[in-house]
Amino acid sequence: MPSVSAKRAAADDRRHGKSASTQAGHFVKEEMDHMKSGKHPVKNSKQAIAIGLSKARQAGIKVPKK
């Protein structure tokens, strides 16, 4: 579940007309922080990025597919 601060920051970026990748960056940063602190058992950073983008899509951000 994404944190409230990530959702709020992404909504703020959306209001200011920033791109979808900028909005999703808040979710990716949150997942990278979780990876570094050991909260998620991910094997590498690419997995953390994929999880962050997935959470951004679930939150309604129109992130294009790979």
PDB file of N, CA and C in Angstrom:
ATOM      1  N   MET A   1       0.842  -1.174   0.000  1.00  0.00           N
ATOM      2  CA  MET A   1       0.000   0.000   0.000  1.00  0.00           C
ATOM      3  C   MET A   1       0.887   1.237   0.000  1.00  0.00           C
ATOM      4  N   PRO A   2       0.696   2.125  -0.945  1.00  0.00           N
ATOM      5  CA  PRO A   2       1.512   3.335  -0.977  1.00  0.00           C
ATOM      6  C   PRO A   2       1.183   4.248   0.204  1.00  0.00           C
ATOM      7  N   SER A   3       2.178   4.977   0.617  1.00  0.00           N
ATOM      8  CA  SER A   3       1.959   5.873   1.748  1.00  0.00           C
ATOM      9  C   SER A   3       1.121   7.075   1.320  1.00  0.00           C
ATOM     10  N   VAL A   4       0.570   7.728   2.301  1.00  0.00           N
ATOM     11  CA  VAL A   4      -0.271   8.900   2.040  1.00  0.00           C
ATOM     12  C   VAL A   4       0.570  10.024   1.444  1.00  0.00           C
ATOM     13  N   SER A   5       1.822  10.138   1.889  1.00  0.00           N
ATOM     14  CA  SER A   5       2.669  11.220   1.381  1.00  0.00           C
ATOM     15  C   SER A   5       2.983  11.028  -0.095  1.00  0.00           C
ATOM     16  N   ALA A   6       3.174   9.784  -0.541  1.00  0.00           N
ATOM     17  CA  ALA A   6       3.439   9.529  -1.958  1.00  0.00           C
ATOM     18  C   ALA A   6       2.206   9.861  -2.791  1.00  0.00           C
ATOM     19  N   LYS A   7       1.039   9.470  -2.300  1.00  0.00           N
ATOM     20  CA  LYS A   7      -0.201   9.784  -3.016  1.00  0.00           C
ATOM     21  C   LYS A   7      -0.419  11.291  -3.099  1.00  0.00           C
ATOM     22  N   ARG A   8      -0.159  11.966  -1.983  1.00  0.00           N
ATOM     23  CA  ARG A   8      -0.362  13.408  -1.932  1.00  0.00           C
ATOM     24  C   ARG A   8       0.604  14.136  -2.877  1.00  0.00           C
ATOM     25  N   ALA A   9       1.864  13.694  -2.902  1.00  0.00           N
ATOM     26  CA  ALA A   9       2.857  14.329  -3.769  1.00  0.00           C
ATOM     27  C   ALA A   9       2.512  14.094  -5.239  1.00  0.00           C
ATOM     28  N   ALA A  10       2.048  12.883  -5.569  1.00  0.00           N
ATOM     29  CA  ALA A  10       1.658  12.588  -6.946  1.00  0.00           C
ATOM     30  C   ALA A  10       0.436  13.408  -7.355  1.00  0.00           C
ATOM     31  N   ALA A  11      -0.510  13.564  -6.458  1.00  0.00           N
ATOM     32  CA  ALA A  11      -1.695  14.374  -6.763  1.00  0.00           C
ATOM     33  C   ALA A  11      -1.307  15.836  -6.963  1.00  0.00           C
ATOM     34  N   ASP A  12      -0.351  16.305  -6.190  1.00  0.00           N
ATOM     35  CA  ASP A  12       0.126  17.679  -6.340  1.00  0.00           C
ATOM     36  C   ASP A  12       0.794  17.857  -7.704  1.00  0.00           C
ATOM     37  N   ASP A  13       1.596  16.878  -8.115  1.00  0.00           N
ATOM     38  CA  ASP A  13       2.226  16.943  -9.433  1.00  0.00           C
ATOM     39  C   ASP A  13       1.188  16.917 -10.542  1.00  0.00           C
ATOM     40  N   ARG A  14       0.148  16.112 -10.376  1.00  0.00           N
ATOM     41  CA  ARG A  14      -0.916  16.035 -11.377  1.00  0.00           C
ATOM     42  C   ARG A  14      -1.608  17.381 -11.512  1.00  0.00           C
ATOM     43  N   ARG A  15      -1.857  18.041 -10.380  1.00  0.00           N
ATOM     44  CA  ARG A  15      -2.508  19.348 -10.407  1.00  0.00           C
ATOM     45  C   ARG A  15      -1.668  20.381 -11.145  1.00  0.00           C
ATOM     46  N   HIS A  16      -0.343  20.261 -11.014  1.00  0.00           N
ATOM     47  CA  HIS A  16       0.555  21.213 -11.658  1.00  0.00           C
ATOM     48  C   HIS A  16       0.887  20.835 -13.096  1.00  0.00           C
ATOM     49  N   GLY A  17       0.287  19.749 -13.589  1.00  0.00           N
ATOM     50  CA  GLY A  17       0.455  19.368 -14.983  1.00  0.00           C
ATOM     51  C   GLY A  17       1.762  18.679 -15.296  1.00  0.00           C
ATOM     52  N   LYS A  18       2.378  18.040 -14.317  1.00  0.00           N
ATOM     53  CA  LYS A  18       3.635  17.349 -14.565  1.00  0.00           C
ATOM     54  C   LYS A  18       3.367  15.987 -15.204  1.00  0.00           C
ATOM     55  N   SER A  19       4.397  15.404 -15.789  1.00  0.00           N
ATOM     56  CA  SER A  19       4.232  14.164 -16.539  1.00  0.00           C
ATOM     57  C   SER A  19       3.938  12.990 -15.615  1.00  0.00           C
ATOM     58  N   ALA A  20       3.462  11.914 -16.235  1.00  0.00           N
ATOM     59  CA  ALA A  20       3.106  10.716 -15.473  1.00  0.00           C
ATOM     60  C   ALA A  20       4.338  10.088 -14.835  1.00  0.00           C
ATOM     61  N   SER A  21       5.477  10.164 -15.517  1.00  0.00           N
ATOM     62  CA  SER A  21       6.682   9.564 -14.945  1.00  0.00           C
ATOM     63  C   SER A  21       7.142  10.331 -13.710  1.00  0.00           C
ATOM     64  N   THR A  22       6.930  11.616 -13.689  1.00  0.00           N
ATOM     65  CA  THR A  22       7.267  12.407 -12.498  1.00  0.00           C
ATOM     66  C   THR A  22       6.342  12.045 -11.344  1.00  0.00           C
ATOM     67  N   GLN A  23       5.069  11.866 -11.661  1.00  0.00           N
ATOM     68  CA  GLN A  23       4.105  11.483 -10.635  1.00  0.00           C
ATOM     69  C   GLN A  23       4.435  10.108 -10.073  1.00  0.00           C
ATOM     70  N   ALA A  24       4.791   9.172 -10.939  1.00  0.00           N
ATOM     71  CA  ALA A  24       5.103   7.809 -10.509  1.00  0.00           C
ATOM     72  C   ALA A  24       6.424   7.752  -9.763  1.00  0.00           C
ATOM     73  N   GLY A  25       7.274   8.721  -9.956  1.00  0.00           N
ATOM     74  CA  GLY A  25       8.571   8.739  -9.290  1.00  0.00           C
ATOM     75  C   GLY A  25       8.467   8.740  -7.779  1.00  0.00           C
ATOM     76  N   HIS A  26       7.407   9.287  -7.245  1.00  0.00           N
ATOM     77  CA  HIS A  26       7.222   9.298  -5.790  1.00  0.00           C
ATOM     78  C   HIS A  26       6.998   7.880  -5.267  1.00  0.00           C
ATOM     79  N   PHE A  27       6.242   7.082  -6.025  1.00  0.00           N
ATOM     80  CA  PHE A  27       5.986   5.702  -5.626  1.00  0.00           C
ATOM     81  C   PHE A  27       7.253   4.855  -5.761  1.00  0.00           C
ATOM     82  N   VAL A  28       8.018   5.103  -6.825  1.00  0.00           N
ATOM     83  CA  VAL A  28       9.254   4.356  -7.040  1.00  0.00           C
ATOM     84  C   VAL A  28      10.264   4.689  -5.953  1.00  0.00           C
ATOM     85  N   LYS A  29      10.357   5.957  -5.593  1.00  0.00           N
ATOM     86  CA  LYS A  29      11.296   6.356  -4.537  1.00  0.00           C
ATOM     87  C   LYS A  29      10.937   5.693  -3.213  1.00  0.00           C
ATOM     88  N   GLU A  30       9.650   5.615  -2.934  1.00  0.00           N
ATOM     89  CA  GLU A  30       9.206   4.967  -1.710  1.00  0.00           C
ATOM     90  C   GLU A  30       9.624   3.488  -1.692  1.00  0.00           C
ATOM     91  N   GLU A  31       9.455   2.807  -2.831  1.00  0.00           N
ATOM     92  CA  GLU A  31       9.842   1.399  -2.900  1.00  0.00           C
ATOM     93  C   GLU A  31      11.352   1.219  -2.802  1.00  0.00           C
ATOM     94  N   MET A  32      12.112   2.128  -3.386  1.00  0.00           N
ATOM     95  CA  MET A  32      13.573   2.045  -3.288  1.00  0.00           C
ATOM     96  C   MET A  32      14.016   2.230  -1.836  1.00  0.00           C
ATOM     97  N   ASP A  33      13.359   3.131  -1.125  1.00  0.00           N
ATOM     98  CA  ASP A  33      13.674   3.323   0.294  1.00  0.00           C
ATOM     99  C   ASP A  33      13.347   2.068   1.101  1.00  0.00           C
ATOM    100  N   HIS A  34      12.228   1.420   0.764  1.00  0.00           N
ATOM    101  CA  HIS A  34      11.858   0.180   1.449  1.00  0.00           C
ATOM    102  C   HIS A  34      12.877  -0.914   1.163  1.00  0.00           C
ATOM    103  N   MET A  35      13.348  -0.966  -0.082  1.00  0.00           N
ATOM    104  CA  MET A  35      14.330  -1.970  -0.456  1.00  0.00           C
ATOM    105  C   MET A  35      15.626  -1.770   0.335  1.00  0.00           C
ATOM    106  N   LYS A  36      16.077  -0.529   0.415  1.00  0.00           N
ATOM    107  CA  LYS A  36      17.328  -0.238   1.109  1.00  0.00           C
ATOM    108  C   LYS A  36      17.237  -0.497   2.605  1.00  0.00           C
ATOM    109  N   SER A  37      16.062  -0.300   3.178  1.00  0.00           N
ATOM    110  CA  SER A  37      15.909  -0.527   4.612  1.00  0.00           C
ATOM    111  C   SER A  37      15.571  -1.980   4.940  1.00  0.00           C
ATOM    112  N   GLY A  38      15.317  -2.803   3.911  1.00  0.00           N
ATOM    113  CA  GLY A  38      15.066  -4.216   4.129  1.00  0.00           C
ATOM    114  C   GLY A  38      13.621  -4.582   4.391  1.00  0.00           C
ATOM    115  N   LYS A  39      12.678  -3.706   4.074  1.00  0.00           N
ATOM    116  CA  LYS A  39      11.262  -4.012   4.297  1.00  0.00           C
ATOM    117  C   LYS A  39      10.720  -4.980   3.255  1.00  0.00           C
ATOM    118  N   HIS A  40      11.298  -4.981   2.041  1.00  0.00           N
ATOM    119  CA  HIS A  40      10.858  -5.863   0.970  1.00  0.00           C
ATOM    120  C   HIS A  40      11.991  -6.816   0.611  1.00  0.00           C
ATOM    121  N   PRO A  41      11.664  -8.083   0.414  1.00  0.00           N
ATOM    122  CA  PRO A  41      12.712  -9.032   0.021  1.00  0.00           C
ATOM    123  C   PRO A  41      12.910  -9.062  -1.497  1.00  0.00           C
ATOM    124  N   VAL A  42      13.194  -7.937  -2.106  1.00  0.00           N
ATOM    125  CA  VAL A  42      13.410  -7.897  -3.554  1.00  0.00           C
ATOM    126  C   VAL A  42      14.854  -8.277  -3.855  1.00  0.00           C
ATOM    127  N   LYS A  43      15.059  -8.866  -5.027  1.00  0.00           N
ATOM    128  CA  LYS A  43      16.393  -9.331  -5.411  1.00  0.00           C
ATOM    129  C   LYS A  43      17.261  -8.200  -5.945  1.00  0.00           C
ATOM    130  N   ASN A  44      16.662  -7.246  -6.660  1.00  0.00           N
ATOM    131  CA  ASN A  44      17.445  -6.140  -7.210  1.00  0.00           C
ATOM    132  C   ASN A  44      16.576  -4.898  -7.353  1.00  0.00           C
ATOM    133  N   SER A  45      17.194  -3.823  -7.795  1.00  0.00           N
ATOM    134  CA  SER A  45      16.482  -2.546  -7.857  1.00  0.00           C
ATOM    135  C   SER A  45      15.437  -2.525  -8.958  1.00  0.00           C
ATOM    136  N   LYS A  46      15.614  -3.333 -10.008  1.00  0.00           N
ATOM    137  CA  LYS A  46      14.611  -3.358 -11.078  1.00  0.00           C
ATOM    138  C   LYS A  46      13.268  -3.872 -10.571  1.00  0.00           C
ATOM    139  N   GLN A  47      13.316  -4.820  -9.650  1.00  0.00           N
ATOM    140  CA  GLN A  47      12.076  -5.316  -9.056  1.00  0.00           C
ATOM    141  C   GLN A  47      11.396  -4.218  -8.243  1.00  0.00           C
ATOM    142  N   ALA A  48      12.178  -3.446  -7.498  1.00  0.00           N
ATOM    143  CA  ALA A  48      11.607  -2.365  -6.695  1.00  0.00           C
ATOM    144  C   ALA A  48      10.968  -1.317  -7.591  1.00  0.00           C
ATOM    145  N   ILE A  49      11.598  -1.025  -8.731  1.00  0.00           N
ATOM    146  CA  ILE A  49      11.038  -0.057  -9.675  1.00  0.00           C
ATOM    147  C   ILE A  49       9.722  -0.589 -10.237  1.00  0.00           C
ATOM    148  N   ALA A  50       9.681  -1.870 -10.578  1.00  0.00           N
ATOM    149  CA  ALA A  50       8.459  -2.469 -11.116  1.00  0.00           C
ATOM    150  C   ALA A  50       7.327  -2.428 -10.092  1.00  0.00           C
ATOM    151  N   ILE A  51       7.646  -2.680  -8.835  1.00  0.00           N
ATOM    152  CA  ILE A  51       6.630  -2.624  -7.780  1.00  0.00           C
ATOM    153  C   ILE A  51       6.106  -1.197  -7.636  1.00  0.00           C
ATOM    154  N   GLY A  52       7.014  -0.214  -7.665  1.00  0.00           N
ATOM    155  CA  GLY A  52       6.606   1.190  -7.549  1.00  0.00           C
ATOM    156  C   GLY A  52       5.715   1.625  -8.693  1.00  0.00           C
ATOM    157  N   LEU A  53       6.047   1.218  -9.918  1.00  0.00           N
ATOM    158  CA  LEU A  53       5.216   1.576 -11.066  1.00  0.00           C
ATOM    159  C   LEU A  53       3.858   0.892 -10.992  1.00  0.00           C
ATOM    160  N   SER A  54       3.839  -0.337 -10.509  1.00  0.00           N
ATOM    161  CA  SER A  54       2.575  -1.046 -10.352  1.00  0.00           C
ATOM    162  C   SER A  54       1.674  -0.342  -9.345  1.00  0.00           C
ATOM    163  N   LYS A  55       2.253   0.092  -8.241  1.00  0.00           N
ATOM    164  CA  LYS A  55       1.463   0.811  -7.234  1.00  0.00           C
ATOM    165  C   LYS A  55       0.978   2.149  -7.775  1.00  0.00           C
ATOM    166  N   ALA A  56       1.788   2.785  -8.618  1.00  0.00           N
ATOM    167  CA  ALA A  56       1.367   4.047  -9.225  1.00  0.00           C
ATOM    168  C   ALA A  56       0.176   3.813 -10.149  1.00  0.00           C
ATOM    169  N   ARG A  57       0.225   2.722 -10.913  1.00  0.00           N
ATOM    170  CA  ARG A  57      -0.910   2.412 -11.790  1.00  0.00           C
ATOM    171  C   ARG A  57      -2.170   2.117 -10.980  1.00  0.00           C
ATOM    172  N   GLN A  58      -2.013   1.418  -9.861  1.00  0.00           N
ATOM    173  CA  GLN A  58      -3.162   1.122  -9.011  1.00  0.00           C
ATOM    174  C   GLN A  58      -3.741   2.400  -8.404  1.00  0.00           C
ATOM    175  N   ALA A  59      -2.886   3.408  -8.197  1.00  0.00           N
ATOM    176  CA  ALA A  59      -3.350   4.672  -7.637  1.00  0.00           C
ATOM    177  C   ALA A  59      -4.002   5.566  -8.684  1.00  0.00           C
ATOM    178  N   GLY A  60      -3.965   5.152  -9.957  1.00  0.00           N
ATOM    179  CA  GLY A  60      -4.661   5.900 -10.996  1.00  0.00           C
ATOM    180  C   GLY A  60      -3.783   6.760 -11.858  1.00  0.00           C
ATOM    181  N   ILE A  61      -2.489   6.636 -11.757  1.00  0.00           N
ATOM    182  CA  ILE A  61      -1.576   7.411 -12.590  1.00  0.00           C
ATOM    183  C   ILE A  61      -1.432   6.683 -13.925  1.00  0.00           C
ATOM    184  N   LYS A  62      -1.527   7.403 -15.011  1.00  0.00           N
ATOM    185  CA  LYS A  62      -1.490   6.810 -16.341  1.00  0.00           C
ATOM    186  C   LYS A  62      -0.055   6.601 -16.805  1.00  0.00           C
ATOM    187  N   VAL A  63       0.641   5.661 -16.167  1.00  0.00           N
ATOM    188  CA  VAL A  63       2.012   5.352 -16.535  1.00  0.00           C
ATOM    189  C   VAL A  63       1.966   4.412 -17.740  1.00  0.00           C
ATOM    190  N   PRO A  64       2.679   4.754 -18.843  1.00  0.00           N
ATOM    191  CA  PRO A  64       2.645   3.862 -19.993  1.00  0.00           C
ATOM    192  C   PRO A  64       3.337   2.535 -19.697  1.00  0.00           C
ATOM    193  N   LYS A  65       2.936   1.506 -20.425  1.00  0.00           N
ATOM    194  CA  LYS A  65       3.560   0.195 -20.250  1.00  0.00           C
ATOM    195  C   LYS A  65       4.948   0.214 -20.854  1.00  0.00           C
ATOM    196  N   LYS A  66       5.713  -0.813 -20.541  1.00  0.00           N
ATOM    197  CA  LYS A  66       7.077  -0.936 -21.023  1.00  0.00           C
ATOM    198  C   LYS A  66       7.085  -0.956 -22.530  1.00  0.00           C
TER     199      LYS A  66
END
